[in-house]
Amino acid sequence: MIKEHLYHLTVLWTGNKGSGTSSYSAYERSHLISAKNKPDILGSSDVAFRGDPSKYNPEELLLASLSSCHMLWFLHLCVENGVVVLAYSDSPEGKMIEFKNGSGQFLEVTLHPTVVLTVASMLAKLDALHEKAHQYCFIANSVNFPVKHIATGKTTS
């Protein structure tokens, strides 16, 4: 059986400095991302595109989506396989190119998860669990570029 899930949010441009988009430099790229009963996210474009460096840009949010989706599947699979995770962190990196006409695309994203386990013997299971998490990740399955992972596992002992 196939299930369908619908997601809703609001993106509101907040960058009108008084004259709208009368020129390329007349407006800010600032916007507000909001969803019901959740904290707002302040967004902008990347600094390279006249954005505010103190706000998240769409490219960073794409990395965050890929990373958190992988993490959530990985943790679920660890539970199913008796692997006790004490800590998980990731530092994803994305490579994007920009074409002469101003458009662009991601070439690849690499996740760098670091996982801390309670038992050293479980370290051997991590690669397979990361691979399966990658296969199940909704976001990774939806993009048209490779999403790789270079994982590190360690124990508290």
N, C-alpha and C. Protein backbone atom coordinates (compact mmCIF):
# COMPACT_ATOMS: atom_id res chain seq x y z
N MET A 1 0.83 -1.18 0.00
CA MET A 1 0.00 0.00 0.00
C MET A 1 0.88 1.25 0.00
N ILE A 2 0.55 2.19 -0.82
CA ILE A 2 1.28 3.45 -0.89
C ILE A 2 0.56 4.48 -0.03
N LYS A 3 1.33 5.18 0.81
CA LYS A 3 0.78 6.25 1.63
C LYS A 3 1.21 7.57 1.04
N GLU A 4 0.36 8.54 1.11
CA GLU A 4 0.69 9.89 0.65
C GLU A 4 0.74 10.82 1.85
N HIS A 5 1.75 11.66 1.91
CA HIS A 5 1.91 12.62 2.99
C HIS A 5 1.97 14.01 2.38
N LEU A 6 1.27 14.94 2.94
CA LEU A 6 1.28 16.32 2.47
C LEU A 6 1.95 17.20 3.51
N TYR A 7 2.76 18.13 3.04
CA TYR A 7 3.47 19.05 3.92
C TYR A 7 3.14 20.47 3.52
N HIS A 8 2.96 21.32 4.51
CA HIS A 8 2.60 22.71 4.26
C HIS A 8 3.46 23.62 5.11
N LEU A 9 3.87 24.71 4.52
CA LEU A 9 4.51 25.78 5.26
C LEU A 9 4.30 27.07 4.50
N THR A 10 4.77 28.15 5.07
CA THR A 10 4.65 29.46 4.44
C THR A 10 6.03 30.06 4.31
N VAL A 11 6.32 30.61 3.14
CA VAL A 11 7.53 31.37 2.91
C VAL A 11 7.10 32.80 2.59
N LEU A 12 7.52 33.73 3.42
CA LEU A 12 7.11 35.12 3.28
C LEU A 12 8.34 35.98 3.03
N TRP A 13 8.37 36.68 1.91
CA TRP A 13 9.48 37.58 1.60
C TRP A 13 9.37 38.79 2.51
N THR A 14 10.43 39.10 3.21
CA THR A 14 10.44 40.23 4.15
C THR A 14 11.46 41.29 3.74
N GLY A 15 11.96 41.23 2.51
CA GLY A 15 13.07 42.06 2.09
C GLY A 15 12.73 43.31 1.31
N ASN A 16 11.48 43.74 1.30
CA ASN A 16 11.14 44.98 0.60
C ASN A 16 11.63 46.16 1.42
N LYS A 17 12.60 46.90 0.88
CA LYS A 17 13.17 48.06 1.59
C LYS A 17 12.45 49.35 1.22
N GLY A 18 11.31 49.24 0.54
CA GLY A 18 10.52 50.43 0.23
C GLY A 18 10.20 50.58 -1.24
N SER A 19 11.06 50.07 -2.11
CA SER A 19 10.79 50.21 -3.54
C SER A 19 10.68 48.85 -4.22
N GLY A 20 10.44 47.81 -3.43
CA GLY A 20 10.27 46.47 -3.99
C GLY A 20 11.47 46.03 -4.80
N THR A 21 11.20 45.43 -5.92
CA THR A 21 12.27 44.93 -6.79
C THR A 21 12.54 45.90 -7.94
N SER A 22 12.61 47.17 -7.61
CA SER A 22 12.86 48.19 -8.64
C SER A 22 14.25 48.07 -9.24
N SER A 23 15.19 47.46 -8.53
CA SER A 23 16.51 47.15 -9.07
C SER A 23 17.08 45.96 -8.30
N TYR A 24 18.14 45.39 -8.84
CA TYR A 24 18.73 44.20 -8.23
C TYR A 24 19.25 44.48 -6.83
N SER A 25 19.69 45.69 -6.57
CA SER A 25 20.24 46.03 -5.26
C SER A 25 19.22 46.73 -4.36
N ALA A 26 17.99 46.90 -4.83
CA ALA A 26 16.99 47.64 -4.06
C ALA A 26 16.27 46.79 -3.01
N TYR A 27 16.48 45.50 -3.01
CA TYR A 27 15.74 44.65 -2.09
C TYR A 27 16.66 43.66 -1.39
N GLU A 28 16.22 43.23 -0.22
CA GLU A 28 16.94 42.20 0.52
C GLU A 28 16.38 40.83 0.13
N ARG A 29 17.18 39.84 0.31
CA ARG A 29 16.76 38.46 0.00
C ARG A 29 16.15 37.79 1.23
N SER A 30 15.89 38.54 2.26
CA SER A 30 15.37 38.01 3.52
C SER A 30 13.97 37.46 3.36
N HIS A 31 13.72 36.37 4.07
CA HIS A 31 12.39 35.77 4.08
C HIS A 31 12.20 34.99 5.38
N LEU A 32 10.96 34.67 5.65
CA LEU A 32 10.58 33.97 6.87
C LEU A 32 9.93 32.66 6.47
N ILE A 33 10.43 31.56 7.02
CA ILE A 33 9.85 30.25 6.78
C ILE A 33 9.10 29.86 8.04
N SER A 34 7.83 29.55 7.89
CA SER A 34 7.04 29.22 9.08
C SER A 34 6.10 28.07 8.79
N ALA A 35 5.79 27.35 9.84
CA ALA A 35 4.82 26.25 9.79
C ALA A 35 4.04 26.29 11.10
N LYS A 36 2.84 25.81 11.05
CA LYS A 36 1.95 25.85 12.21
C LYS A 36 2.59 25.19 13.43
N ASN A 37 2.56 25.90 14.54
CA ASN A 37 3.05 25.41 15.84
C ASN A 37 4.55 25.09 15.87
N LYS A 38 5.34 25.78 15.02
CA LYS A 38 6.78 25.56 14.99
C LYS A 38 7.49 26.91 15.00
N PRO A 39 8.73 26.95 15.49
CA PRO A 39 9.47 28.21 15.45
C PRO A 39 9.76 28.64 14.01
N ASP A 40 9.81 29.92 13.80
CA ASP A 40 10.13 30.46 12.49
C ASP A 40 11.62 30.25 12.18
N ILE A 41 11.92 30.18 10.90
CA ILE A 41 13.29 30.12 10.42
C ILE A 41 13.54 31.36 9.59
N LEU A 42 14.59 32.10 9.93
CA LEU A 42 14.95 33.28 9.16
C LEU A 42 15.84 32.85 8.00
N GLY A 43 15.42 33.19 6.79
CA GLY A 43 16.16 32.78 5.61
C GLY A 43 16.61 33.95 4.77
N SER A 44 17.58 33.69 3.93
CA SER A 44 18.10 34.66 2.98
C SER A 44 18.77 33.86 1.87
N SER A 45 19.36 34.54 0.92
CA SER A 45 20.17 33.83 -0.06
C SER A 45 21.60 33.75 0.46
N ASP A 46 22.42 32.98 -0.21
CA ASP A 46 23.83 32.90 0.13
C ASP A 46 24.46 34.29 -0.04
N VAL A 47 25.50 34.55 0.70
CA VAL A 47 26.21 35.82 0.61
C VAL A 47 26.64 36.10 -0.84
N ALA A 48 27.01 35.05 -1.56
CA ALA A 48 27.43 35.21 -2.95
C ALA A 48 26.32 35.80 -3.83
N PHE A 49 25.09 35.72 -3.34
CA PHE A 49 23.95 36.22 -4.11
C PHE A 49 23.24 37.34 -3.36
N ARG A 50 24.04 38.16 -2.67
CA ARG A 50 23.56 39.34 -1.95
C ARG A 50 22.74 39.00 -0.72
N GLY A 51 23.01 37.85 -0.12
CA GLY A 51 22.25 37.41 1.04
C GLY A 51 22.84 37.85 2.36
N ASP A 52 22.08 37.63 3.40
CA ASP A 52 22.45 37.96 4.77
C ASP A 52 23.17 36.76 5.38
N PRO A 53 24.44 36.90 5.75
CA PRO A 53 25.19 35.75 6.27
C PRO A 53 24.71 35.26 7.63
N SER A 54 23.87 36.03 8.32
CA SER A 54 23.38 35.62 9.63
C SER A 54 22.13 34.74 9.54
N LYS A 55 21.63 34.52 8.32
CA LYS A 55 20.41 33.72 8.13
C LYS A 55 20.72 32.49 7.29
N TYR A 56 19.91 31.46 7.47
CA TYR A 56 20.07 30.24 6.69
C TYR A 56 19.68 30.49 5.24
N ASN A 57 20.46 29.87 4.33
CA ASN A 57 20.11 29.97 2.91
C ASN A 57 19.55 28.63 2.43
N PRO A 58 18.89 28.61 1.27
CA PRO A 58 18.28 27.36 0.79
C PRO A 58 19.27 26.22 0.65
N GLU A 59 20.50 26.53 0.27
CA GLU A 59 21.50 25.48 0.10
C GLU A 59 21.83 24.83 1.44
N GLU A 60 21.96 25.62 2.48
CA GLU A 60 22.22 25.07 3.82
C GLU A 60 21.03 24.25 4.30
N LEU A 61 19.83 24.71 4.01
CA LEU A 61 18.64 23.97 4.43
C LEU A 61 18.51 22.64 3.69
N LEU A 62 18.98 22.60 2.44
CA LEU A 62 19.00 21.32 1.72
C LEU A 62 19.97 20.35 2.40
N LEU A 63 21.15 20.83 2.77
CA LEU A 63 22.10 19.98 3.50
C LEU A 63 21.50 19.50 4.81
N ALA A 64 20.84 20.40 5.52
CA ALA A 64 20.22 20.03 6.80
C ALA A 64 19.13 18.97 6.59
N SER A 65 18.36 19.09 5.54
CA SER A 65 17.31 18.11 5.25
C SER A 65 17.90 16.73 4.96
N LEU A 66 18.93 16.71 4.13
CA LEU A 66 19.57 15.43 3.82
C LEU A 66 20.19 14.80 5.06
N SER A 67 20.88 15.62 5.85
CA SER A 67 21.56 15.12 7.05
C SER A 67 20.56 14.61 8.09
N SER A 68 19.53 15.39 8.37
CA SER A 68 18.59 14.97 9.42
C SER A 68 17.77 13.77 8.97
N CYS A 69 17.42 13.68 7.70
CA CYS A 69 16.69 12.51 7.20
C CYS A 69 17.53 11.25 7.37
N HIS A 70 18.80 11.34 6.98
CA HIS A 70 19.71 10.19 7.13
C HIS A 70 19.83 9.80 8.61
N MET A 71 20.02 10.80 9.46
CA MET A 71 20.19 10.53 10.89
C MET A 71 18.95 9.83 11.46
N LEU A 72 17.77 10.32 11.14
CA LEU A 72 16.55 9.74 11.70
C LEU A 72 16.34 8.30 11.24
N TRP A 73 16.64 8.01 9.97
CA TRP A 73 16.55 6.63 9.51
C TRP A 73 17.62 5.77 10.19
N PHE A 74 18.83 6.30 10.29
CA PHE A 74 19.91 5.55 10.92
C PHE A 74 19.57 5.18 12.36
N LEU A 75 19.09 6.14 13.13
CA LEU A 75 18.74 5.87 14.52
C LEU A 75 17.62 4.83 14.61
N HIS A 76 16.64 4.93 13.73
CA HIS A 76 15.56 3.94 13.70
C HIS A 76 16.12 2.54 13.43
N LEU A 77 17.00 2.45 12.45
CA LEU A 77 17.60 1.16 12.11
C LEU A 77 18.48 0.63 13.22
N CYS A 78 19.14 1.50 13.95
CA CYS A 78 19.95 1.06 15.11
C CYS A 78 19.06 0.41 16.16
N VAL A 79 17.92 1.02 16.44
CA VAL A 79 16.98 0.43 17.40
C VAL A 79 16.57 -0.95 16.94
N GLU A 80 16.20 -1.08 15.66
CA GLU A 80 15.77 -2.38 15.13
C GLU A 80 16.87 -3.44 15.20
N ASN A 81 18.13 -3.00 15.19
CA ASN A 81 19.25 -3.93 15.18
C ASN A 81 20.00 -4.03 16.50
N GLY A 82 19.43 -3.48 17.56
CA GLY A 82 20.03 -3.60 18.88
C GLY A 82 21.31 -2.81 19.07
N VAL A 83 21.51 -1.76 18.29
CA VAL A 83 22.70 -0.93 18.40
C VAL A 83 22.33 0.31 19.22
N VAL A 84 22.97 0.48 20.36
CA VAL A 84 22.64 1.60 21.24
C VAL A 84 23.57 2.78 20.90
N VAL A 85 22.96 3.87 20.42
CA VAL A 85 23.70 5.08 20.07
C VAL A 85 23.57 6.07 21.23
N LEU A 86 24.71 6.59 21.67
CA LEU A 86 24.71 7.60 22.74
C LEU A 86 24.79 9.02 22.19
N ALA A 87 25.42 9.18 21.03
CA ALA A 87 25.57 10.52 20.44
C ALA A 87 25.69 10.38 18.93
N TYR A 88 25.23 11.41 18.24
CA TYR A 88 25.29 11.44 16.78
C TYR A 88 25.47 12.88 16.36
N SER A 89 26.43 13.13 15.50
CA SER A 89 26.61 14.46 14.93
C SER A 89 27.00 14.31 13.47
N ASP A 90 26.78 15.35 12.70
CA ASP A 90 27.11 15.31 11.28
C ASP A 90 27.58 16.69 10.85
N SER A 91 28.47 16.71 9.89
CA SER A 91 28.96 17.95 9.28
C SER A 91 28.87 17.79 7.77
N PRO A 92 27.66 17.89 7.22
CA PRO A 92 27.50 17.66 5.78
C PRO A 92 28.15 18.75 4.95
N GLU A 93 28.63 18.36 3.78
CA GLU A 93 29.23 19.29 2.83
C GLU A 93 28.56 19.09 1.48
N GLY A 94 28.28 20.18 0.80
CA GLY A 94 27.69 20.10 -0.52
C GLY A 94 28.51 20.86 -1.53
N LYS A 95 28.62 20.30 -2.73
CA LYS A 95 29.34 20.95 -3.82
C LYS A 95 28.31 21.38 -4.86
N MET A 96 28.27 22.68 -5.11
CA MET A 96 27.32 23.25 -6.07
C MET A 96 28.10 24.02 -7.11
N ILE A 97 27.62 23.98 -8.35
CA ILE A 97 28.24 24.78 -9.40
C ILE A 97 27.23 25.80 -9.89
N GLU A 98 27.76 26.91 -10.35
CA GLU A 98 26.94 27.97 -10.92
C GLU A 98 27.33 28.12 -12.38
N PHE A 99 26.33 28.14 -13.26
CA PHE A 99 26.58 28.28 -14.69
C PHE A 99 26.66 29.75 -15.09
N LYS A 100 27.17 29.99 -16.27
CA LYS A 100 27.34 31.37 -16.76
C LYS A 100 26.03 32.14 -16.78
N ASN A 101 24.91 31.45 -17.01
CA ASN A 101 23.61 32.14 -17.09
C ASN A 101 23.02 32.44 -15.71
N GLY A 102 23.73 32.06 -14.64
CA GLY A 102 23.27 32.33 -13.28
C GLY A 102 22.55 31.18 -12.62
N SER A 103 22.14 30.17 -13.39
CA SER A 103 21.52 29.00 -12.78
C SER A 103 22.61 28.12 -12.17
N GLY A 104 22.23 27.09 -11.49
CA GLY A 104 23.21 26.20 -10.89
C GLY A 104 22.60 24.91 -10.44
N GLN A 105 23.43 24.05 -9.90
CA GLN A 105 22.94 22.78 -9.37
C GLN A 105 23.98 22.18 -8.45
N PHE A 106 23.49 21.36 -7.54
CA PHE A 106 24.40 20.60 -6.68
C PHE A 106 24.98 19.44 -7.50
N LEU A 107 26.26 19.21 -7.31
CA LEU A 107 26.92 18.05 -7.93
C LEU A 107 26.88 16.85 -7.01
N GLU A 108 27.03 17.12 -5.70
CA GLU A 108 27.01 16.04 -4.72
C GLU A 108 26.93 16.63 -3.32
N VAL A 109 26.51 15.79 -2.41
CA VAL A 109 26.55 16.11 -0.98
C VAL A 109 27.20 14.92 -0.29
N THR A 110 28.07 15.22 0.67
CA THR A 110 28.70 14.17 1.47
C THR A 110 28.36 14.41 2.93
N LEU A 111 27.77 13.42 3.54
CA LEU A 111 27.48 13.46 4.97
C LEU A 111 28.69 12.91 5.71
N HIS A 112 28.96 13.44 6.88
CA HIS A 112 30.09 13.00 7.71
C HIS A 112 29.59 12.68 9.12
N PRO A 113 28.72 11.68 9.24
CA PRO A 113 28.20 11.37 10.58
C PRO A 113 29.25 10.75 11.49
N THR A 114 29.22 11.18 12.74
CA THR A 114 30.03 10.59 13.80
C THR A 114 29.08 10.03 14.84
N VAL A 115 29.24 8.77 15.13
CA VAL A 115 28.32 8.05 16.00
C VAL A 115 29.10 7.49 17.19
N VAL A 116 28.56 7.69 18.38
CA VAL A 116 29.16 7.13 19.60
C VAL A 116 28.24 6.02 20.10
N LEU A 117 28.82 4.83 20.27
CA LEU A 117 28.07 3.65 20.70
C LEU A 117 28.49 3.22 22.10
N THR A 118 27.68 2.38 22.71
CA THR A 118 28.01 1.86 24.03
C THR A 118 28.92 0.64 23.95
N VAL A 119 28.81 -0.14 22.86
CA VAL A 119 29.51 -1.42 22.78
C VAL A 119 30.36 -1.47 21.51
N ALA A 120 31.65 -1.73 21.67
CA ALA A 120 32.58 -1.75 20.55
C ALA A 120 32.23 -2.81 19.50
N SER A 121 31.68 -3.92 19.91
CA SER A 121 31.36 -4.98 18.94
C SER A 121 30.30 -4.54 17.94
N MET A 122 29.54 -3.52 18.26
CA MET A 122 28.49 -3.03 17.35
C MET A 122 29.05 -2.13 16.24
N LEU A 123 30.30 -1.68 16.38
CA LEU A 123 30.89 -0.82 15.36
C LEU A 123 30.86 -1.46 13.97
N ALA A 124 30.99 -2.77 13.93
CA ALA A 124 31.00 -3.49 12.65
C ALA A 124 29.68 -3.38 11.90
N LYS A 125 28.60 -3.07 12.58
CA LYS A 125 27.29 -2.97 11.94
C LYS A 125 27.03 -1.59 11.32
N LEU A 126 27.86 -0.61 11.67
CA LEU A 126 27.54 0.77 11.31
C LEU A 126 27.49 1.02 9.81
N ASP A 127 28.47 0.52 9.06
CA ASP A 127 28.47 0.79 7.61
C ASP A 127 27.20 0.29 6.94
N ALA A 128 26.78 -0.91 7.28
CA ALA A 128 25.56 -1.46 6.68
C ALA A 128 24.33 -0.66 7.09
N LEU A 129 24.29 -0.20 8.32
CA LEU A 129 23.15 0.59 8.78
C LEU A 129 23.13 1.96 8.12
N HIS A 130 24.28 2.57 7.92
CA HIS A 130 24.34 3.84 7.20
C HIS A 130 23.89 3.65 5.75
N GLU A 131 24.32 2.56 5.13
CA GLU A 131 23.92 2.29 3.75
C GLU A 131 22.41 2.10 3.64
N LYS A 132 21.85 1.36 4.56
CA LYS A 132 20.40 1.14 4.54
C LYS A 132 19.65 2.45 4.81
N ALA A 133 20.16 3.25 5.74
CA ALA A 133 19.55 4.56 6.01
C ALA A 133 19.55 5.41 4.74
N HIS A 134 20.64 5.36 4.01
CA HIS A 134 20.74 6.10 2.75
C HIS A 134 19.68 5.62 1.76
N GLN A 135 19.49 4.32 1.68
CA GLN A 135 18.50 3.76 0.76
C GLN A 135 17.08 4.14 1.13
N TYR A 136 16.81 4.36 2.42
CA TYR A 136 15.47 4.67 2.88
C TYR A 136 15.17 6.16 2.98
N CYS A 137 16.19 7.00 3.00
CA CYS A 137 15.99 8.43 3.21
C CYS A 137 15.12 9.05 2.12
N PHE A 138 14.00 9.62 2.52
CA PHE A 138 13.06 10.23 1.58
C PHE A 138 13.71 11.35 0.79
N ILE A 139 14.52 12.16 1.45
CA ILE A 139 15.11 13.33 0.80
C ILE A 139 16.20 12.88 -0.18
N ALA A 140 17.07 11.98 0.24
CA ALA A 140 18.12 11.48 -0.66
C ALA A 140 17.51 10.81 -1.89
N ASN A 141 16.39 10.14 -1.70
CA ASN A 141 15.71 9.50 -2.83
C ASN A 141 15.04 10.49 -3.76
N SER A 142 14.97 11.75 -3.36
CA SER A 142 14.25 12.76 -4.14
C SER A 142 15.16 13.72 -4.90
N VAL A 143 16.45 13.64 -4.68
CA VAL A 143 17.37 14.57 -5.35
C VAL A 143 18.04 13.89 -6.54
N ASN A 144 18.54 14.71 -7.47
CA ASN A 144 19.12 14.16 -8.70
C ASN A 144 20.65 14.21 -8.71
N PHE A 145 21.25 14.17 -7.53
CA PHE A 145 22.71 14.16 -7.42
C PHE A 145 23.08 13.14 -6.35
N PRO A 146 24.33 12.66 -6.37
CA PRO A 146 24.75 11.66 -5.38
C PRO A 146 24.81 12.24 -3.97
N VAL A 147 24.33 11.45 -3.03
CA VAL A 147 24.48 11.76 -1.61
C VAL A 147 25.33 10.64 -1.03
N LYS A 148 26.52 11.00 -0.61
CA LYS A 148 27.47 10.02 -0.08
C LYS A 148 27.57 10.17 1.43
N HIS A 149 28.17 9.21 2.07
CA HIS A 149 28.43 9.33 3.50
C HIS A 149 29.79 8.74 3.83
N ILE A 150 30.50 9.45 4.68
CA ILE A 150 31.78 8.97 5.22
C ILE A 150 31.59 9.00 6.74
N ALA A 151 31.33 7.83 7.28
CA ALA A 151 30.94 7.73 8.69
C ALA A 151 32.12 7.39 9.59
N THR A 152 32.01 7.86 10.82
CA THR A 152 32.98 7.53 11.86
C THR A 152 32.20 6.97 13.04
N GLY A 153 32.69 5.87 13.57
CA GLY A 153 32.07 5.28 14.75
C GLY A 153 33.08 5.13 15.86
N LYS A 154 32.64 5.36 17.08
CA LYS A 154 33.51 5.16 18.23
C LYS A 154 32.67 4.75 19.42
N THR A 155 33.34 4.34 20.47
CA THR A 155 32.63 3.91 21.69
C THR A 155 33.08 4.76 22.86
N THR A 156 32.35 4.64 23.94
CA THR A 156 32.67 5.38 25.17
C THR A 156 33.82 4.72 25.92
N SER A 157 34.09 3.46 25.60
CA SER A 157 35.16 2.74 26.34
C SER A 157 36.50 2.86 25.68
